[in-house]
Amino acid sequence: MGCRGPGPRSALLRVVAVTDGTGAPVLVVDERRRMPGRGAWLHPDPDCFELAVRRRAFSRALRLAGPADHTAVQRRLEQSQEDTAGTIPGVEADRRQGSGLEADGCPMSTHR
């Protein structure tokens, strides 16, 4: 949405507008992609988010009358950046130790 670039939905965040206790719109990340209402798709990249905020793209995409509070989305993006800060791209985080050949040399063996 911010960079207007395409991407698979599995790699994008769905952002929806909900109302808080005062009736003001608040943007939240729809983790399960099941919340009702109109949604906007965003790359999980802080630069894409900043561009969307600067262009006021959330209000247009979600058809809101005025600006919405986007701090929850910003916190979610910062949290995901902290989670992936120490990982190497393309390498699985929880790779299984061993291939099954260590115990007795036969990968189909049940003996470990």
C-alpha atoms as a PDB file:
ATOM      1  CA  MET A   1       0.000   0.000   0.000  1.00  0.00           C
ATOM      2  CA  GLY A   2       2.733   2.461   0.871  1.00  0.00           C
ATOM      3  CA  CYS A   3       5.140   1.523  -1.901  1.00  0.00           C
ATOM      4  CA  ARG A   4       2.335   0.314  -4.188  1.00  0.00           C
ATOM      5  CA  GLY A   5       4.365  -2.801  -4.935  1.00  0.00           C
ATOM      6  CA  PRO A   6       2.729  -6.185  -5.419  1.00  0.00           C
ATOM      7  CA  GLY A   7       3.349  -9.150  -3.199  1.00  0.00           C
ATOM      8  CA  PRO A   8       1.801 -12.416  -2.078  1.00  0.00           C
ATOM      9  CA  ARG A   9      -0.761 -12.089   0.682  1.00  0.00           C
ATOM     10  CA  SER A  10       1.245 -14.448   2.850  1.00  0.00           C
ATOM     11  CA  ALA A  11       4.042 -11.862   2.931  1.00  0.00           C
ATOM     12  CA  LEU A  12       1.800  -8.836   3.571  1.00  0.00           C
ATOM     13  CA  LEU A  13       0.121  -7.484   6.702  1.00  0.00           C
ATOM     14  CA  ARG A  14      -3.605  -6.784   6.657  1.00  0.00           C
ATOM     15  CA  VAL A  15      -4.493  -3.545   8.417  1.00  0.00           C
ATOM     16  CA  VAL A  16      -8.074  -2.736   9.437  1.00  0.00           C
ATOM     17  CA  ALA A  17      -9.700   0.217  11.181  1.00  0.00           C
ATOM     18  CA  VAL A  18     -11.595  -0.341  14.419  1.00  0.00           C
ATOM     19  CA  THR A  19     -13.157   2.233  16.712  1.00  0.00           C
ATOM     20  CA  ASP A  20     -11.898   2.801  20.218  1.00  0.00           C
ATOM     21  CA  GLY A  21     -14.047   3.729  23.222  1.00  0.00           C
ATOM     22  CA  THR A  22     -14.396   7.332  22.085  1.00  0.00           C
ATOM     23  CA  GLY A  23     -15.440   6.440  18.540  1.00  0.00           C
ATOM     24  CA  ALA A  24     -12.163   7.474  16.933  1.00  0.00           C
ATOM     25  CA  PRO A  25     -10.696   5.107  14.308  1.00  0.00           C
ATOM     26  CA  VAL A  26      -7.632   3.088  15.294  1.00  0.00           C
ATOM     27  CA  LEU A  27      -5.575   1.012  12.863  1.00  0.00           C
ATOM     28  CA  VAL A  28      -4.699  -2.522  13.958  1.00  0.00           C
ATOM     29  CA  VAL A  29      -2.929  -5.433  12.294  1.00  0.00           C
ATOM     30  CA  ASP A  30      -5.306  -8.287  11.507  1.00  0.00           C
ATOM     31  CA  GLU A  31      -3.062 -11.240  12.403  1.00  0.00           C
ATOM     32  CA  ARG A  32      -5.498 -13.959  11.309  1.00  0.00           C
ATOM     33  CA  ARG A  33      -6.800 -11.973   8.317  1.00  0.00           C
ATOM     34  CA  ARG A  34     -10.389 -12.570   9.450  1.00  0.00           C
ATOM     35  CA  MET A  35     -11.561  -9.290  10.960  1.00  0.00           C
ATOM     36  CA  PRO A  36     -14.673  -7.797   9.374  1.00  0.00           C
ATOM     37  CA  GLY A  37     -14.573  -4.670   7.319  1.00  0.00           C
ATOM     38  CA  ARG A  38     -12.404  -3.179   4.681  1.00  0.00           C
ATOM     39  CA  GLY A  39      -8.712  -4.027   4.885  1.00  0.00           C
ATOM     40  CA  ALA A  40      -5.522  -2.584   3.481  1.00  0.00           C
ATOM     41  CA  TRP A  41      -2.464  -4.697   2.642  1.00  0.00           C
ATOM     42  CA  LEU A  42       0.982  -3.476   3.669  1.00  0.00           C
ATOM     43  CA  HIS A  43       4.513  -4.824   3.325  1.00  0.00           C
ATOM     44  CA  PRO A  44       6.020  -5.503   6.761  1.00  0.00           C
ATOM     45  CA  ASP A  45       8.700  -2.907   6.078  1.00  0.00           C
ATOM     46  CA  PRO A  46       9.059   0.328   8.085  1.00  0.00           C
ATOM     47  CA  ASP A  47       9.861   2.292   4.915  1.00  0.00           C
ATOM     48  CA  CYS A  48       6.637   1.134   3.251  1.00  0.00           C
ATOM     49  CA  PHE A  49       4.704   2.043   6.406  1.00  0.00           C
ATOM     50  CA  GLU A  50       6.233   5.520   6.620  1.00  0.00           C
ATOM     51  CA  LEU A  51       5.445   6.129   2.966  1.00  0.00           C
ATOM     52  CA  ALA A  52       1.812   5.092   3.533  1.00  0.00           C
ATOM     53  CA  VAL A  53       1.526   7.451   6.512  1.00  0.00           C
ATOM     54  CA  ARG A  54       3.117  10.319   4.595  1.00  0.00           C
ATOM     55  CA  ARG A  55       0.777   9.794   1.612  1.00  0.00           C
ATOM     56  CA  ARG A  56      -2.272   9.387   3.925  1.00  0.00           C
ATOM     57  CA  ALA A  57      -2.935   6.107   2.142  1.00  0.00           C
ATOM     58  CA  PHE A  58      -4.623   4.428   5.132  1.00  0.00           C
ATOM     59  CA  SER A  59      -7.490   6.923   5.183  1.00  0.00           C
ATOM     60  CA  ARG A  60      -8.085   6.528   1.456  1.00  0.00           C
ATOM     61  CA  ALA A  61      -7.744   2.739   1.339  1.00  0.00           C
ATOM     62  CA  LEU A  62      -9.976   2.185   4.362  1.00  0.00           C
ATOM     63  CA  ARG A  63     -12.395   4.983   3.389  1.00  0.00           C
ATOM     64  CA  LEU A  64     -12.049   6.871   6.647  1.00  0.00           C
ATOM     65  CA  ALA A  65     -13.321  10.423   7.058  1.00  0.00           C
ATOM     66  CA  GLY A  66     -10.209  11.646   8.851  1.00  0.00           C
ATOM     67  CA  PRO A  67      -6.828  10.504  10.144  1.00  0.00           C
ATOM     68  CA  ALA A  68      -6.591   7.372  12.263  1.00  0.00           C
ATOM     69  CA  ASP A  69      -4.260   6.419  15.087  1.00  0.00           C
ATOM     70  CA  HIS A  70      -1.579   4.155  13.601  1.00  0.00           C
ATOM     71  CA  THR A  71       0.640   3.569  16.652  1.00  0.00           C
ATOM     72  CA  ALA A  72      -0.458  -0.082  17.020  1.00  0.00           C
ATOM     73  CA  VAL A  73       0.679  -0.865  13.469  1.00  0.00           C
ATOM     74  CA  GLN A  74       3.958   0.975  14.045  1.00  0.00           C
ATOM     75  CA  ARG A  75       4.625  -0.999  17.254  1.00  0.00           C
ATOM     76  CA  ARG A  76       3.874  -4.269  15.445  1.00  0.00           C
ATOM     77  CA  LEU A  77       6.361  -3.421  12.684  1.00  0.00           C
ATOM     78  CA  GLU A  78       9.044  -2.444  15.208  1.00  0.00           C
ATOM     79  CA  GLN A  79       8.456  -5.685  17.104  1.00  0.00           C
ATOM     80  CA  SER A  80       8.795  -7.791  13.956  1.00  0.00           C
ATOM     81  CA  GLN A  81      12.015  -5.954  13.050  1.00  0.00           C
ATOM     82  CA  GLU A  82      13.453  -6.740  16.501  1.00  0.00           C
ATOM     83  CA  ASP A  83      12.454 -10.397  16.171  1.00  0.00           C
ATOM     84  CA  THR A  84      14.241 -10.808  12.836  1.00  0.00           C
ATOM     85  CA  ALA A  85      17.294  -8.657  13.652  1.00  0.00           C
ATOM     86  CA  GLY A  86      19.582 -11.587  14.511  1.00  0.00           C
ATOM     87  CA  THR A  87      18.514 -14.014  11.796  1.00  0.00           C
ATOM     88  CA  ILE A  88      20.188 -14.711   8.504  1.00  0.00           C
ATOM     89  CA  PRO A  89      17.838 -14.413   5.507  1.00  0.00           C
ATOM     90  CA  GLY A  90      17.080 -17.749   3.867  1.00  0.00           C
ATOM     91  CA  VAL A  91      18.180 -19.868   6.838  1.00  0.00           C
ATOM     92  CA  GLU A  92      15.595 -21.606   8.990  1.00  0.00           C
ATOM     93  CA  ALA A  93      15.628 -20.564  12.625  1.00  0.00           C
ATOM     94  CA  ASP A  94      14.782 -23.934  14.181  1.00  0.00           C
ATOM     95  CA  ARG A  95      16.522 -26.410  11.924  1.00  0.00           C
ATOM     96  CA  ARG A  96      16.346 -29.964  13.207  1.00  0.00           C
ATOM     97  CA  GLN A  97      19.550 -31.300  14.627  1.00  0.00           C
ATOM     98  CA  GLY A  98      20.756 -34.393  12.828  1.00  0.00           C
ATOM     99  CA  SER A  99      19.491 -36.213   9.814  1.00  0.00           C
ATOM    100  CA  GLY A 100      18.806 -39.648  11.269  1.00  0.00           C
ATOM    101  CA  LEU A 101      22.042 -41.162  10.009  1.00  0.00           C
ATOM    102  CA  GLU A 102      23.939 -40.592  13.248  1.00  0.00           C
ATOM    103  CA  ALA A 103      22.475 -43.439  15.319  1.00  0.00           C
ATOM    104  CA  ASP A 104      23.029 -46.557  13.242  1.00  0.00           C
ATOM    105  CA  GLY A 105      23.587 -45.366   9.665  1.00  0.00           C
ATOM    106  CA  CYS A 106      20.135 -46.296   8.321  1.00  0.00           C
ATOM    107  CA  PRO A 107      17.762 -43.347   7.798  1.00  0.00           C
ATOM    108  CA  MET A 108      14.677 -45.581   8.035  1.00  0.00           C
ATOM    109  CA  SER A 109      15.691 -47.083  11.358  1.00  0.00           C
ATOM    110  CA  THR A 110      13.686 -46.379  14.487  1.00  0.00           C
ATOM    111  CA  HIS A 111      16.714 -46.904  16.745  1.00  0.00           C
ATOM    112  CA  ARG A 112      18.310 -43.703  17.958  1.00  0.00           C
END
